[in-house]
Amino acid sequence: MLPWLLLLHAATAFAPVDLGHASGDATATRPLTVSVAGPITSAEYLPIRVAKAAGYFADERVTVSIRDTRSPADAAQDLGTGTVSLAATSLDAAIRMGATAGKPPLLVIGLTAAPPVALLVPTSMKAAVRGPADLAGRQVGIPAPGSPEHAVLLSLLRAADVPVARLRIESYGDQGLAAAIARGSVAAGVLGEPWTTRLVESGSAVAIVDLAKPGAAEKWLGGPTVHAAVFAPAAAAGAPELGPFVRAVTRALAHLETASAADVARGLPLAVVGPPGDLPLRLQALQALYLRDGRVDPARMANSLARLRERWPVPVKVELPRRPGHLLWRGDRE
């Protein structure tokens, strides 16, 4: 897209338009398209899907369309190119790939504190690998390069003062990594649900780090962090649609805190729910990680950015503000 078109999009993407309400209705707002990070079964982004399926967006009189993507990177790139109004993706991806004209996007509402993943060790290796420091010189599996699991592994190695060059990191895909751990063909792997619970309950693996446990994310990531969130272009800070959108997603977060998997699944596409028995495990892993009211304070943002810089290089063209709080949307939630 040409530079002048990008500027035009940023200036008009959230402009109020008539959605068919009576003339002069000040509540009429422009429809929003949200790019949601994959995989489609990820429970981290369920608040967006629940808000739509349960009618919370409709209650707030904001029209929301969901654009499914394969990964956090794809969702962030959609935002950076102006393809969508908002992106539900990881902070890492949003900062590195979601900037517009060098300006990083604003975090509108937080969804999770950290990825619901665990560092698993085959049972046969549990005496030799007791913590991240024992991974030096060994083969460790991840589902894919650049995935949340990969990011967590890099943070754990950093915390244990183990250089990445001292181990071999291999990509297997989720199911392939679960099989490799069960066989004992890797020394360890970082994996999410439902594979983590099934490997542990079957006796095939032990979890030496489990970010789904209360307090574990803060312990291993150096304090409070934010992982999944919804982001908007910096130029859209004053968009009237954001307040209603945030209220609807906050309501969905509250619902997820107490709802059963059966209640959550009601109205969701089968592709989102996934195979029978998977959704309860995914939801259980997020009980300690959902950000209940979606609020992210400057201290949480600062710690998250510090971890991001340890894991990946931030493109030179991205102009990060000196005050992390300037990356947070400060609009009206009431």
Protein backbone atom coordinates (compact mmCIF):
# COMPACT_ATOMS: atom_id res chain seq x y z
CA MET A 1 0.00 0.00 0.00
CA LEU A 2 1.30 3.47 -0.91
CA PRO A 3 2.34 5.71 2.04
CA TRP A 4 -0.36 8.30 1.37
CA LEU A 5 -3.00 5.53 1.39
CA LEU A 6 -1.74 4.28 4.75
CA LEU A 7 -2.10 7.78 6.17
CA LEU A 8 -5.58 8.09 4.72
CA HIS A 9 -6.59 4.73 6.26
CA ALA A 10 -5.23 5.68 9.69
CA ALA A 11 -7.20 8.90 9.61
CA THR A 12 -10.48 7.31 8.56
CA ALA A 13 -10.50 3.71 9.81
CA PHE A 14 -12.54 4.54 12.89
CA ALA A 15 -14.62 7.46 11.65
CA PRO A 16 -18.27 7.21 12.79
CA VAL A 17 -20.70 6.20 10.06
CA ASP A 18 -24.42 5.54 9.89
CA LEU A 19 -25.23 1.87 10.51
CA GLY A 20 -28.87 2.30 9.74
CA HIS A 21 -30.03 3.94 12.97
CA ALA A 22 -32.32 6.94 12.89
CA SER A 23 -30.87 10.15 11.58
CA GLY A 24 -28.94 12.06 14.22
CA ASP A 25 -28.33 8.98 16.44
CA ALA A 26 -24.99 9.76 18.12
CA THR A 27 -24.45 6.10 19.04
CA ALA A 28 -24.03 4.95 15.44
CA THR A 29 -20.50 3.66 14.95
CA ARG A 30 -18.44 2.16 12.20
CA PRO A 31 -18.19 -1.65 12.09
CA LEU A 32 -14.92 -3.08 13.36
CA THR A 33 -12.94 -5.91 11.85
CA VAL A 34 -10.71 -7.74 14.32
CA SER A 35 -7.89 -9.97 13.13
CA VAL A 36 -7.63 -12.80 15.66
CA ALA A 37 -4.41 -14.76 16.09
CA GLY A 38 -4.42 -18.47 15.46
CA PRO A 39 -4.55 -21.31 15.93
CA ILE A 40 -8.32 -21.03 15.82
CA THR A 41 -8.67 -23.21 18.94
CA SER A 42 -6.51 -20.89 21.08
CA ALA A 43 -8.37 -20.13 24.30
CA GLU A 44 -6.35 -16.96 24.83
CA TYR A 45 -8.55 -15.17 22.31
CA LEU A 46 -11.86 -16.68 23.43
CA PRO A 47 -13.01 -13.40 25.04
CA ILE A 48 -13.37 -11.91 21.54
CA ARG A 49 -15.28 -14.91 20.23
CA VAL A 50 -17.49 -15.17 23.32
CA ALA A 51 -18.33 -11.47 23.19
CA LYS A 52 -19.58 -11.95 19.65
CA ALA A 53 -21.38 -15.29 20.16
CA ALA A 54 -23.08 -14.19 23.39
CA GLY A 55 -24.30 -10.91 21.90
CA TYR A 56 -22.19 -8.64 24.10
CA PHE A 57 -21.03 -6.59 21.11
CA ALA A 58 -24.63 -6.27 19.96
CA ASP A 59 -25.64 -5.10 23.44
CA GLU A 60 -23.06 -2.32 23.13
CA ARG A 61 -24.30 -1.48 19.63
CA VAL A 62 -20.94 -2.12 18.03
CA THR A 63 -20.69 -4.36 14.97
CA VAL A 64 -17.65 -6.65 15.02
CA SER A 65 -16.41 -9.02 12.32
CA ILE A 66 -13.71 -11.57 13.08
CA ARG A 67 -10.93 -12.33 10.63
CA ASP A 68 -9.21 -15.59 11.55
CA THR A 69 -5.46 -15.90 11.01
CA ARG A 70 -2.94 -18.69 11.46
CA SER A 71 -0.65 -17.05 13.99
CA PRO A 72 0.01 -13.97 16.16
CA ALA A 73 2.37 -12.70 13.47
CA ASP A 74 -0.33 -12.83 10.79
CA ALA A 75 -2.82 -10.94 12.97
CA ALA A 76 -0.25 -8.25 13.79
CA GLN A 77 0.68 -7.85 10.13
CA ASP A 78 -2.98 -7.33 9.27
CA LEU A 79 -3.02 -4.42 11.70
CA GLY A 80 0.24 -2.95 10.43
CA THR A 81 -0.94 -2.98 6.82
CA GLY A 82 -4.29 -1.39 7.66
CA THR A 83 -6.23 -4.49 6.60
CA VAL A 84 -8.23 -4.50 9.86
CA SER A 85 -9.40 -2.09 12.56
CA LEU A 86 -8.01 -4.08 15.50
CA ALA A 87 -5.82 -7.12 16.13
CA ALA A 88 -6.09 -9.67 18.91
CA THR A 89 -2.57 -10.98 19.09
CA SER A 90 0.51 -11.23 21.29
CA LEU A 91 2.36 -8.18 22.56
CA ASP A 92 5.55 -9.46 20.94
CA ALA A 93 3.92 -9.71 17.53
CA ALA A 94 2.06 -6.41 17.85
CA ILE A 95 5.19 -4.41 18.69
CA ARG A 96 7.40 -6.08 16.10
CA MET A 97 4.94 -6.39 13.20
CA GLY A 98 1.89 -4.22 13.92
CA ALA A 99 3.38 -0.73 13.72
CA THR A 100 2.01 1.85 11.30
CA ALA A 101 4.42 4.44 9.89
CA GLY A 102 6.85 3.56 12.71
CA LYS A 103 4.27 4.05 15.45
CA PRO A 104 3.60 0.95 17.55
CA PRO A 105 -0.07 0.13 18.18
CA LEU A 106 -1.89 0.87 21.41
CA LEU A 107 -2.90 -1.92 23.75
CA VAL A 108 -6.65 -1.47 24.12
CA ILE A 109 -7.49 -4.35 26.46
CA GLY A 110 -5.39 -7.16 27.89
CA LEU A 111 -6.53 -10.77 27.63
CA THR A 112 -3.88 -12.97 29.27
CA ALA A 113 -0.82 -12.47 31.46
CA ALA A 114 1.25 -15.19 29.78
CA PRO A 115 0.85 -18.09 27.35
CA PRO A 116 -0.73 -21.17 28.97
CA VAL A 117 2.24 -23.42 28.28
CA ALA A 118 4.56 -25.71 30.21
CA LEU A 119 8.14 -26.91 29.96
CA LEU A 120 7.75 -30.68 29.83
CA VAL A 121 10.40 -33.32 30.36
CA PRO A 122 10.00 -37.00 29.41
CA THR A 123 9.62 -39.12 32.52
CA SER A 124 12.81 -40.96 31.61
CA MET A 125 14.72 -37.64 31.77
CA LYS A 126 13.24 -36.18 34.96
CA ALA A 127 16.28 -37.01 37.10
CA ALA A 128 18.64 -35.31 34.63
CA VAL A 129 16.53 -32.27 33.73
CA ARG A 130 15.13 -30.62 36.85
CA GLY A 131 14.98 -27.03 35.63
CA PRO A 132 15.78 -24.73 32.70
CA ALA A 133 19.46 -24.61 33.72
CA ASP A 134 19.74 -28.34 32.90
CA LEU A 135 18.80 -27.81 29.25
CA ALA A 136 22.34 -26.83 28.21
CA GLY A 137 23.75 -29.27 25.69
CA ARG A 138 20.38 -30.92 25.03
CA GLN A 139 17.71 -31.03 22.32
CA VAL A 140 14.54 -29.08 23.16
CA GLY A 141 11.36 -29.02 21.12
CA ILE A 142 8.91 -26.23 20.28
CA PRO A 143 5.81 -26.27 18.05
CA ALA A 144 7.12 -23.58 15.68
CA PRO A 145 9.72 -20.81 15.45
CA GLY A 146 8.42 -17.50 16.74
CA SER A 147 5.51 -19.16 18.55
CA PRO A 148 4.51 -18.25 22.13
CA GLU A 149 6.14 -21.51 23.23
CA HIS A 150 9.38 -20.42 21.58
CA ALA A 151 9.21 -17.05 23.34
CA VAL A 152 8.67 -18.70 26.72
CA LEU A 153 11.62 -21.02 26.16
CA LEU A 154 13.88 -18.05 25.38
CA SER A 155 12.74 -16.27 28.55
CA LEU A 156 13.33 -19.38 30.68
CA LEU A 157 16.83 -19.79 29.23
CA ARG A 158 17.58 -16.14 29.89
CA ALA A 159 16.40 -16.45 33.50
CA ALA A 160 18.60 -19.53 33.95
CA ASP A 161 21.58 -17.81 32.28
CA VAL A 162 21.78 -20.49 29.57
CA PRO A 163 22.88 -19.12 26.16
CA VAL A 164 20.62 -20.28 23.33
CA ALA A 165 23.69 -21.45 21.43
CA ARG A 166 24.32 -24.09 24.09
CA LEU A 167 21.29 -26.19 23.13
CA ARG A 168 19.55 -27.42 20.01
CA ILE A 169 16.02 -26.12 19.45
CA GLU A 170 13.88 -28.12 17.02
CA SER A 171 10.41 -27.39 15.63
CA TYR A 172 7.92 -30.27 15.57
CA GLY A 173 4.38 -28.86 15.47
CA ASP A 174 2.06 -29.44 18.42
CA GLN A 175 1.18 -33.08 17.82
CA GLY A 176 4.68 -33.95 16.64
CA LEU A 177 6.21 -32.45 19.76
CA ALA A 178 3.76 -34.29 22.01
CA ALA A 179 4.76 -37.54 20.32
CA ALA A 180 8.49 -36.71 20.63
CA ILE A 181 8.11 -36.04 24.36
CA ALA A 182 6.16 -39.28 24.84
CA ARG A 183 8.90 -41.22 23.01
CA GLY A 184 11.65 -39.51 24.95
CA SER A 185 13.36 -38.40 21.74
CA VAL A 186 13.81 -34.86 23.09
CA ALA A 187 15.16 -33.80 26.46
CA ALA A 188 12.31 -31.32 26.92
CA GLY A 189 9.65 -29.37 25.07
CA VAL A 190 7.44 -26.33 25.59
CA LEU A 191 3.84 -27.19 24.84
CA GLY A 192 0.29 -26.06 25.58
CA GLU A 193 -3.04 -27.76 26.14
CA PRO A 194 -4.51 -30.30 25.71
CA TRP A 195 -1.21 -32.09 25.23
CA THR A 196 0.38 -30.95 28.50
CA THR A 197 -2.33 -32.42 30.72
CA ARG A 198 -2.56 -35.65 28.72
CA LEU A 199 1.18 -36.25 28.74
CA VAL A 200 1.41 -35.60 32.47
CA GLU A 201 -1.66 -37.65 33.39
CA SER A 202 -0.48 -40.58 31.26
CA GLY A 203 2.85 -40.59 33.08
CA SER A 204 4.77 -39.80 29.88
CA ALA A 205 6.12 -36.44 31.09
CA VAL A 206 6.53 -34.14 34.05
CA ALA A 207 6.06 -30.37 33.98
CA ILE A 208 9.09 -28.64 35.49
CA VAL A 209 7.68 -25.19 34.65
CA ASP A 210 3.94 -24.64 34.21
CA LEU A 211 2.88 -21.05 33.57
CA ALA A 212 -0.76 -22.05 34.12
CA LYS A 213 -0.11 -22.52 37.84
CA PRO A 214 -0.96 -19.52 40.06
CA GLY A 215 2.05 -17.26 40.48
CA ALA A 216 4.23 -19.24 38.05
CA ALA A 217 4.20 -16.64 35.27
CA GLU A 218 5.36 -13.86 37.59
CA LYS A 219 8.04 -16.11 39.08
CA TRP A 220 9.56 -17.18 35.79
CA LEU A 221 8.98 -13.97 33.80
CA GLY A 222 10.34 -11.55 36.38
CA GLY A 223 7.04 -10.01 37.45
CA PRO A 224 3.61 -9.21 36.00
CA THR A 225 3.38 -9.42 32.22
CA VAL A 226 0.81 -9.25 29.44
CA HIS A 227 0.79 -11.66 26.52
CA ALA A 228 -2.44 -11.74 24.49
CA ALA A 229 -4.27 -8.45 24.03
CA VAL A 230 -6.26 -6.37 21.58
CA PHE A 231 -4.38 -3.61 19.77
CA ALA A 232 -5.42 -0.58 17.74
CA PRO A 233 -3.41 1.77 15.53
CA ALA A 234 -1.98 4.69 17.49
CA ALA A 235 -3.97 7.08 15.29
CA ALA A 236 -7.22 5.49 16.50
CA ALA A 237 -6.81 6.43 20.18
CA GLY A 238 -9.91 8.61 20.19
CA ALA A 239 -12.17 6.28 18.20
CA PRO A 240 -15.68 6.13 19.74
CA GLU A 241 -15.98 2.42 18.94
CA LEU A 242 -13.25 1.41 21.36
CA GLY A 243 -15.17 2.07 24.57
CA PRO A 244 -18.14 -0.16 23.66
CA PHE A 245 -15.76 -2.81 22.32
CA VAL A 246 -13.78 -2.86 25.57
CA ARG A 247 -16.93 -3.10 27.68
CA ALA A 248 -18.13 -6.11 25.70
CA VAL A 249 -14.79 -7.93 25.95
CA THR A 250 -14.54 -7.14 29.68
CA ARG A 251 -17.95 -8.74 30.11
CA ALA A 252 -16.73 -11.83 28.22
CA LEU A 253 -13.67 -12.07 30.50
CA ALA A 254 -15.97 -12.03 33.53
CA HIS A 255 -18.13 -14.74 31.98
CA LEU A 256 -15.11 -16.96 31.30
CA GLU A 257 -14.09 -16.71 34.94
CA THR A 258 -17.02 -18.85 36.08
CA ALA A 259 -18.58 -20.45 32.99
CA SER A 260 -18.31 -24.17 32.29
CA ALA A 261 -16.77 -25.39 29.05
CA ALA A 262 -20.26 -26.38 27.87
CA ASP A 263 -21.53 -22.85 28.46
CA VAL A 264 -18.54 -21.34 26.69
CA ALA A 265 -18.92 -23.64 23.70
CA ARG A 266 -22.56 -22.66 23.17
CA GLY A 267 -22.82 -20.61 20.01
CA LEU A 268 -19.15 -20.96 19.04
CA PRO A 269 -18.12 -22.50 15.70
CA LEU A 270 -17.06 -26.15 15.98
CA ALA A 271 -13.64 -25.23 14.61
CA VAL A 272 -13.10 -22.93 17.62
CA VAL A 273 -14.29 -25.50 20.15
CA GLY A 274 -12.00 -28.18 18.74
CA PRO A 275 -12.08 -31.94 19.35
CA PRO A 276 -14.25 -33.27 22.20
CA GLY A 277 -12.56 -32.92 25.57
CA ASP A 278 -10.02 -30.31 24.50
CA LEU A 279 -11.86 -27.11 25.48
CA PRO A 280 -12.12 -27.91 29.23
CA LEU A 281 -8.35 -28.44 29.39
CA ARG A 282 -7.63 -25.23 27.51
CA LEU A 283 -9.94 -23.22 29.76
CA GLN A 284 -8.55 -24.74 32.94
CA ALA A 285 -5.03 -23.73 31.93
CA LEU A 286 -6.13 -20.10 31.58
CA GLN A 287 -7.89 -19.71 34.92
CA ALA A 288 -4.78 -18.18 36.49
CA LEU A 289 -3.80 -16.24 33.36
CA TYR A 290 -6.86 -14.35 32.11
CA LEU A 291 -6.64 -10.66 33.02
CA ARG A 292 -9.99 -10.40 34.79
CA ASP A 293 -10.87 -6.82 33.88
CA GLY A 294 -8.49 -6.49 30.96
CA ARG A 295 -6.54 -3.66 32.57
CA VAL A 296 -2.79 -3.38 32.01
CA ASP A 297 -0.83 -0.86 34.08
CA PRO A 298 2.49 0.76 33.09
CA ALA A 299 4.53 -1.52 35.37
CA ARG A 300 3.12 -4.65 33.72
CA MET A 301 3.76 -3.16 30.29
CA ALA A 302 7.33 -2.17 31.22
CA ASN A 303 8.18 -5.69 32.41
CA SER A 304 6.61 -7.20 29.30
CA LEU A 305 8.66 -4.95 27.02
CA ALA A 306 11.82 -5.88 28.91
CA ARG A 307 11.13 -9.57 28.30
CA LEU A 308 10.34 -8.88 24.64
CA ARG A 309 13.67 -7.12 24.10
CA GLU A 310 15.49 -10.08 25.67
CA ARG A 311 13.84 -12.49 23.26
CA TRP A 312 13.73 -10.72 19.92
CA PRO A 313 15.16 -7.66 18.18
CA VAL A 314 12.67 -4.79 17.80
CA PRO A 315 12.82 -3.33 14.27
CA VAL A 316 14.70 -0.05 14.15
CA LYS A 317 11.77 1.62 12.38
CA VAL A 318 9.49 1.01 15.40
CA GLU A 319 9.60 4.09 17.64
CA LEU A 320 8.93 2.81 21.16
CA PRO A 321 8.07 5.60 23.63
CA ARG A 322 10.27 6.16 26.66
CA ARG A 323 7.27 5.73 28.95
CA PRO A 324 5.67 2.26 28.51
CA GLY A 325 2.36 3.69 29.69
CA HIS A 326 2.13 5.64 26.45
CA LEU A 327 1.44 2.33 24.69
CA LEU A 328 -1.78 1.89 26.67
CA TRP A 329 -5.16 3.12 25.48
CA ARG A 330 -6.62 5.53 28.03
CA GLY A 331 -10.15 5.89 26.75
CA ASP A 332 -13.43 5.67 28.63
CA ARG A 333 -14.36 2.13 29.72
CA GLU A 334 -17.55 3.13 31.53
